[in-house]
Amino acid sequence: MACGSADPVTLFISIGLSEQKAKETLKNEALSAALTEAVTQAQGVLGAGVDKGTGTLLYNLASKLKDQKRLGFLTGYIAHKKISTDLQLNAALDYVKSHPVDPISAEEFEWQCGVGVVVSPEQIEDTVEAIISKHKEQLLKERYRFNMGLLMGEARNQLKWADGKIIKNEVDMQVLHLLGPKTEADLEKKAKAPKQKAAVENEKVEEAVDGDVKLEGKSLMEQLRGEAMKFHKPGENYKTEGYVVTPNTMKLLQEHLELTGGQVRTRFPPEPNGILHIGHAKAINFNFGYAKANNGICFLRYDDTNPEKEEEKYFTGIRDMVEWLGYKPYAVTHASDNFQQLYDWAVELIRRGHAYVCHQRVEEIKGHNPPPSPWRDRPTEESLLLFEGMRKGKFMEGEATLRMKLVMEDGKMDPVAYRIKYTPHHRTGDTWCIYPTYDYTHCLCDSIEHITHSLCTKEFQARRSSYFWLCNALDVYCPVQWEYGRLNLTYTVVSKRKIVKLVETGAVRDWDDPRLFTLTALRRRGFPAEAINNFCARVGVTVAQTTMEPHLLEACVREVLNDSAPRVMAVLEPLRVTITNFPAPQQMEVKVPDFPADESRGSHSVHFSSTVFIEQADFREVTEKGYKRLTPDQPVGLRHAGYVISVQKVIKDPSGKVVELQVSCARADTRDKPKAFIQWVSNPLRCEVRLYERLFLHKNPEDPSEVPGGFLSDINPNSLQLIEDAMVDRSVAGAKVFDQFQFERVGYFSVDPDSTESKLVFNRTVTLKEDPGKI
């Protein structure tokens, strides 16, 4: 069928668009016209229909090209298959943007766009093989901890016009051939390069002072993959794909550079209506880390445009968590700082014909295909009067909104810029009864703060075009929005609404319950900030959403605590042991190193008397094969004491439970070496210990196919075990809240805020990393 006689939707479907996408495209008049013209010209060249691959390129061309006089020129290259990949198309778009004046040199254009370049599978294989050979020694050493993005980056540089998917498959295949499948050690254990102690200490000092995030000597930014490597330089916003250039763009960018001095500027913009979670840690690290790595600045900006849900505790909690992770905001700002400016700009937007007051109800404009507003074309003066009426409180909530005249990338038409809310604001009180939306506020606050890189999670990609549109509609400096994939964890929920339900039903105590993955909960459980930052660095920044297992985060925690948490001895289920031949008339003092692997890092003393306590699990009445601890026939050593004990008598209560052991002791250097040394305490402190397991039983508690009854039905009944009469040596008596220790042979523990002067409470942070076969 000739395209001239086809309706646009049929035409768009014929090139491979889905019916829904075709209809959404039709709503965007400029895009629809450009795509129709491109398809018409391509069919004229081909003399036939357009295949799906060519159709996709034509769609991308029509949606990205701003200088429509180049449409025919580029369409010809696509139709003749001279431009056949997105990579070539992006290069072509960059070329025509930077060469606005005719004539275009065909030879230079084709060279810049890789026209006629064919990369064979053999070339890809040989190139990847050479790159892997170059890094072979380090790959074998680090295995899957090696930054594979480095291999991809070098391969892409050498094979500019090759298909990226083919390169990645070749890299993956050759790495697998070299290293074999991933092992458990690859998932959890980091191979540390040997360092001089002084170097390690200096690195820690540098991290503490600068707040930089390091892993294996590499900062977060050194490990970035994907989109982050393509970021524009300050002032070169116009080189970004999809950026809209207006006659005033260069002047505004020049003013921006004069004001900022070419400085990188980012912002972390949370809504103050909940507590930050592990996904926010990635955003904090990315925004602050990117600015830090480029000698720039990062703002902490509260997106406080919804007074109904905002509370002071969230403002305080958010800032506390940002600073706990080691970052200091350049400035703390609020969207509400700009309410008057935002209102003035909204008035200007109406005057320019880009916004109107609408009376459709919220439920009428929900969904993918709401009916067009009958008030879209109302006179400007009428909208100005009505908007002033909204400002003065002349309408009820929901009776009127201010909407912007644009179609977003996801087909959403005319997003709301202002709505009415008769709720006092925590900072502005009753000054306003209309409040701006995210779609209106965010890009304009970015503009006001002269942000260079507005880093958002992937769900905001559909708002990138409206972001650019609004700044340009008001003729103000336009930053660049970049999107990256969110970080999610299995076996948890992070939705504010769902956490509230967990609290209300008593499944958890509060937002900081250590079984949750809010940042306050992780801190309370004892996760070091450094470990969370290392985890974010290890995950890296990619466009794709990342879902990780909690044990990978726990591995990062162990790595940090293994080096930072002093060792103490504790028993969780005590069994009394009486030494009948104690070698001194009274108790002795035993020196215990804080870090047995490096005794120069300090020590503490513990009491050693004729009465000690050991773990109940460290004694069995019958010697079984493979059991290495205390039995009537098998002695055991006491860690650090230098003595070996042997059972003389087993004392039981009326029910038959073992309640005490009477033992004899001998110096370890006078006996054969025992099969094991166990921890013990004498004259200890009694304490409460809380042992945590996963809160949910299934990996994806929010997935109805996995948990048909909903996430509240998936609570693990054994997620918390309380031990009220555990014992720990007295060296921890002065410990403060959040202090961290390794209880030898037991796990890593942190002092909980519930602790009192009379009784310490410890949370188990993570278990020790042990061989599952070890008994």
Foldseek 3Di string as FASTA:
>chain_A
DQLVPDDQLVLLVQLPDDSLLSVLQVVAPQLSVLLSVLQNLLCVVVVDHHYNQLSVLSSLCSQFADPSVCSNVVSVCSSVVQQRDPLLSLQLSLVCVVVVDDDDDPVVSSVSSVGPDDDDLVNLLVLLVVLCVVCVVVCQQFPLLPLCLVSLVSSCVVVVPDDSVSSVVSNVVVSCVSRPDDDPCNLFPGRADDDDPVVVVVVVVVCLVLVFFDDNRDTLVNSFHAPVVVDDFQLVQVSDGRFDDDPCQNVQSVVLCVVQVSAAEEELEEALQFFAFLLVLLVLCVRQVVNSVRVHFYEYEYAHQDQVRHDPVSVVRHQVLSVLLPDDHPYYYYLVVCVVVLLVLLLVCLVLLFKFKAQDFPVQLDDQDHDDTPCSPPDSVVRNVVVVCLFVPVDDWRRIFMWGQDQWQSSRGTDTFKTFACDAHPPRGRNGRITGDCLSRVLVVCQVVSHAEYEEALVCPRSQNSSSVSCVSSVTHGHHYDYWATEAEFLADDDRVVQVVCCVVVLAVHPLCLLHRRSNVLLQLQQRSSLSSNLSSSVHIHRHHHYYYVSSSVSSSCVVCLPPAFEFAWELAWAKEFAPPPPDPFKDWFWAARRVVDSVVDTDIFIDGRIKIFYPVQEDQDDDPQNQGAYQVFWEAAPRPQKIKHFDDFDADPVRHTRYTYIHIDGCVVDDHGSYHGYMHDPWAWAKEKEADRQFDDGHQQDCVVPVVGNVVGGDPPGIDMRRGMTTTCVCLPPDFSRWHQHPPFAIWTWHPVADNRHTYIYGSDGDDDDPPHD
